[in-house]
């Protein structure tokens, strides 16, 4: 198994157990690799694994969530395309956000800068579309932040209530909410 094939499996462990609950034993079970093989790929252990997973998420964020925002389509179409990708990225609301999980506990001090970078990429990309649509920069930034809060909050509710209805509703309402007149 290549290192590239291992990363999504490591991500699943972090998503299920958080940083503190993730262990070499759990990584080994998820990847079907022995400890020695894991340390061969990741000599610095769990911290390096989380860093590689964060890089993988940031790449996915850029390719899946931000790419539609950079198209030449009308703003509403770009936001709808982003929402479709958000839905797929979070498996229709069933997948926890690893950025949230890596921003608490021991992981916060280790990864706060990378988590902040990822969130700012998303917020700035979304705000840029809103500015193109005629929303003032300050309002665009606030609305983009609010959109991320709504998406993340909907993920928490989906997990806690075991029901994707809120996540689906938020994604459906988001384009009009973001582009409403000031």
Protein backbone atom coordinates (compact mmCIF):
# COMPACT_ATOMS: atom_id res chain seq x y z
CA UNK A 1 0.00 0.00 0.00
CA UNK A 2 1.39 3.40 -0.97
CA UNK A 3 1.62 6.36 1.37
CA UNK A 4 -1.03 8.14 -0.73
CA UNK A 5 -3.41 5.22 -0.16
CA UNK A 6 -2.76 5.31 3.59
CA UNK A 7 -3.70 8.97 4.11
CA UNK A 8 -7.51 8.66 3.67
CA UNK A 9 -7.48 5.74 6.11
CA UNK A 10 -5.59 7.82 8.66
CA UNK A 11 -8.08 10.62 8.12
CA UNK A 12 -10.94 8.26 8.94
CA UNK A 13 -9.28 7.35 12.25
CA UNK A 14 -8.84 11.01 13.18
CA UNK A 15 -12.45 11.72 12.21
CA UNK A 16 -13.74 8.89 14.34
CA UNK A 17 -11.53 9.30 17.41
CA UNK A 18 -10.16 12.85 17.28
CA UNK A 19 -6.48 13.55 17.76
CA UNK A 20 -6.26 12.37 21.36
CA UNK A 21 -8.18 9.14 20.69
CA UNK A 22 -6.22 8.23 17.58
CA UNK A 23 -3.51 5.69 18.34
CA UNK A 24 -0.91 3.73 16.44
CA UNK A 25 -2.95 0.60 17.14
CA UNK A 26 -6.03 2.18 15.57
CA UNK A 27 -4.01 3.43 12.60
CA UNK A 28 -2.55 -0.04 12.16
CA UNK A 29 -6.01 -1.64 12.24
CA UNK A 30 -7.44 0.90 9.77
CA UNK A 31 -4.57 0.64 7.31
CA UNK A 32 -3.75 -3.05 7.83
CA UNK A 33 -0.11 -1.97 8.22
CA UNK A 34 2.20 -2.99 11.02
CA UNK A 35 3.57 -0.33 13.34
CA UNK A 36 6.97 -0.50 11.65
CA UNK A 37 5.41 0.27 8.26
CA UNK A 38 3.50 3.20 9.70
CA UNK A 39 6.69 4.60 11.25
CA UNK A 40 8.47 4.02 7.94
CA UNK A 41 5.93 6.29 6.22
CA UNK A 42 5.61 8.67 9.17
CA UNK A 43 8.82 8.68 11.27
CA UNK A 44 7.46 11.38 13.57
CA UNK A 45 4.36 9.38 14.44
CA UNK A 46 0.87 10.68 15.04
CA UNK A 47 1.75 14.36 14.72
CA UNK A 48 3.24 13.80 11.27
CA UNK A 49 0.22 11.70 10.29
CA UNK A 50 -2.11 14.52 11.31
CA UNK A 51 0.00 17.05 9.40
CA UNK A 52 -0.15 14.93 6.25
CA UNK A 53 -3.90 14.49 6.69
CA UNK A 54 -4.32 18.25 7.10
CA UNK A 55 -2.36 18.82 3.89
CA UNK A 56 -4.64 16.29 2.18
CA UNK A 57 -7.72 18.13 3.47
CA UNK A 58 -6.41 21.51 2.36
CA UNK A 59 -5.72 20.09 -1.09
CA UNK A 60 -9.24 18.64 -1.19
CA UNK A 61 -10.66 21.95 0.00
CA UNK A 62 -8.92 23.76 -2.83
CA UNK A 63 -9.79 21.20 -5.50
CA UNK A 64 -13.34 20.37 -4.44
CA UNK A 65 -14.76 23.34 -2.54
CA UNK A 66 -12.86 26.32 -3.88
CA UNK A 67 -12.51 25.38 -7.54
CA UNK A 68 -16.20 26.03 -8.33
CA UNK A 69 -15.90 29.46 -6.71
CA UNK A 70 -13.19 30.42 -9.23
CA UNK A 71 -15.21 29.59 -12.34
CA UNK A 72 -16.70 32.14 -14.74
CA UNK A 73 -20.28 31.14 -13.91
CA UNK A 74 -22.70 33.57 -12.24
CA UNK A 75 -22.11 33.83 -8.46
CA UNK A 76 -25.26 31.89 -7.54
CA UNK A 77 -24.20 29.00 -9.78
CA UNK A 78 -20.70 28.99 -8.25
CA UNK A 79 -22.11 28.86 -4.73
CA UNK A 80 -24.53 26.08 -5.68
CA UNK A 81 -21.64 24.11 -7.22
CA UNK A 82 -19.60 24.63 -4.05
CA UNK A 83 -22.57 23.39 -2.00
CA UNK A 84 -22.82 20.23 -4.10
CA UNK A 85 -19.17 19.60 -3.42
CA UNK A 86 -19.59 20.40 0.29
CA UNK A 87 -22.37 17.81 0.37
CA UNK A 88 -20.10 15.21 -1.24
CA UNK A 89 -17.02 16.25 0.80
CA UNK A 90 -18.92 15.69 4.07
CA UNK A 91 -20.75 12.62 2.72
CA UNK A 92 -24.19 14.25 2.90
CA UNK A 93 -23.52 15.47 6.43
CA UNK A 94 -22.40 12.08 7.74
CA UNK A 95 -18.68 12.92 7.96
CA UNK A 96 -17.29 15.04 10.79
CA UNK A 97 -15.12 17.99 9.89
CA UNK A 98 -11.53 17.14 10.69
CA UNK A 99 -10.66 20.85 10.86
CA UNK A 100 -12.99 21.12 13.85
CA UNK A 101 -11.57 17.98 15.47
CA UNK A 102 -7.99 19.22 15.06
CA UNK A 103 -8.79 22.59 16.63
CA UNK A 104 -9.50 21.24 20.12
CA UNK A 105 -7.47 19.72 22.92
CA UNK A 106 -3.81 18.89 22.43
CA UNK A 107 -4.21 19.21 18.65
CA UNK A 108 -5.11 22.90 18.91
CA UNK A 109 -1.59 24.01 19.77
CA UNK A 110 -0.08 21.71 17.16
CA UNK A 111 -2.32 22.51 14.20
CA UNK A 112 -4.04 25.82 14.87
CA UNK A 113 -2.08 27.63 12.16
CA UNK A 114 -2.92 25.04 9.49
CA UNK A 115 -6.58 24.90 10.53
CA UNK A 116 -6.73 28.69 10.40
CA UNK A 117 -5.12 28.64 6.94
CA UNK A 118 -7.70 26.16 5.64
CA UNK A 119 -10.67 28.05 7.06
CA UNK A 120 -9.38 31.37 5.73
CA UNK A 121 -8.94 29.88 2.26
CA UNK A 122 -12.58 28.85 2.27
CA UNK A 123 -13.88 32.09 3.80
CA UNK A 124 -11.81 34.27 1.45
CA UNK A 125 -12.83 32.27 -1.61
CA UNK A 126 -16.49 32.55 -0.76
CA UNK A 127 -16.22 36.23 0.18
CA UNK A 128 -14.54 37.00 -3.17
CA UNK A 129 -17.57 35.61 -5.02
CA UNK A 130 -19.87 37.73 -2.89
CA UNK A 131 -17.84 40.87 -3.60
CA UNK A 132 -18.10 40.08 -7.32
CA UNK A 133 -21.86 39.90 -6.82
CA UNK A 134 -21.89 43.43 -5.43
CA UNK A 135 -21.74 42.76 -1.69
CA UNK A 136 -19.42 45.09 0.23
CA UNK A 137 -16.16 43.44 1.35
CA UNK A 138 -16.94 43.63 5.07
CA UNK A 139 -20.44 42.21 4.64
CA UNK A 140 -19.08 39.56 2.25
CA UNK A 141 -16.52 38.44 4.84
CA UNK A 142 -19.16 38.29 7.57
CA UNK A 143 -21.55 36.30 5.39
CA UNK A 144 -18.82 33.88 4.35
CA UNK A 145 -17.90 33.32 8.01
CA UNK A 146 -21.60 32.85 8.86
CA UNK A 147 -21.91 30.29 6.05
CA UNK A 148 -19.03 28.24 7.44
CA UNK A 149 -20.55 28.47 10.92
CA UNK A 150 -23.86 27.21 9.56
CA UNK A 151 -22.26 24.34 7.68
CA UNK A 152 -20.16 23.32 10.67
CA UNK A 153 -23.08 23.67 13.06
CA UNK A 154 -25.26 21.58 10.78
CA UNK A 155 -22.58 18.87 10.81
CA UNK A 156 -22.67 18.85 14.62
CA UNK A 157 -26.47 18.59 14.64
CA UNK A 158 -26.44 15.88 12.00
CA UNK A 159 -24.06 13.82 14.12
CA UNK A 160 -25.85 14.51 17.41
CA UNK A 161 -29.37 13.94 16.09
CA UNK A 162 -28.42 11.24 13.58
CA UNK A 163 -30.45 13.14 11.00
CA UNK A 164 -29.14 14.97 7.90
CA UNK A 165 -32.19 17.23 7.47
CA UNK A 166 -30.55 20.33 8.96
CA UNK A 167 -27.40 19.89 6.88
CA UNK A 168 -29.47 19.52 3.70
CA UNK A 169 -31.61 22.57 4.57
CA UNK A 170 -28.57 24.75 5.28
CA UNK A 171 -26.96 23.85 1.95
CA UNK A 172 -30.21 24.53 0.11
CA UNK A 173 -30.72 27.97 1.72
CA UNK A 174 -27.11 29.09 1.64
CA UNK A 175 -26.90 30.61 -1.89
CA UNK A 176 -29.87 32.92 -1.39
CA UNK A 177 -28.78 33.82 2.15
CA UNK A 178 -25.30 34.74 0.97
CA UNK A 179 -26.45 36.79 -2.02
CA UNK A 180 -29.42 38.60 -0.47
CA UNK A 181 -29.32 42.38 -0.94
CA UNK A 182 -27.63 44.38 1.79
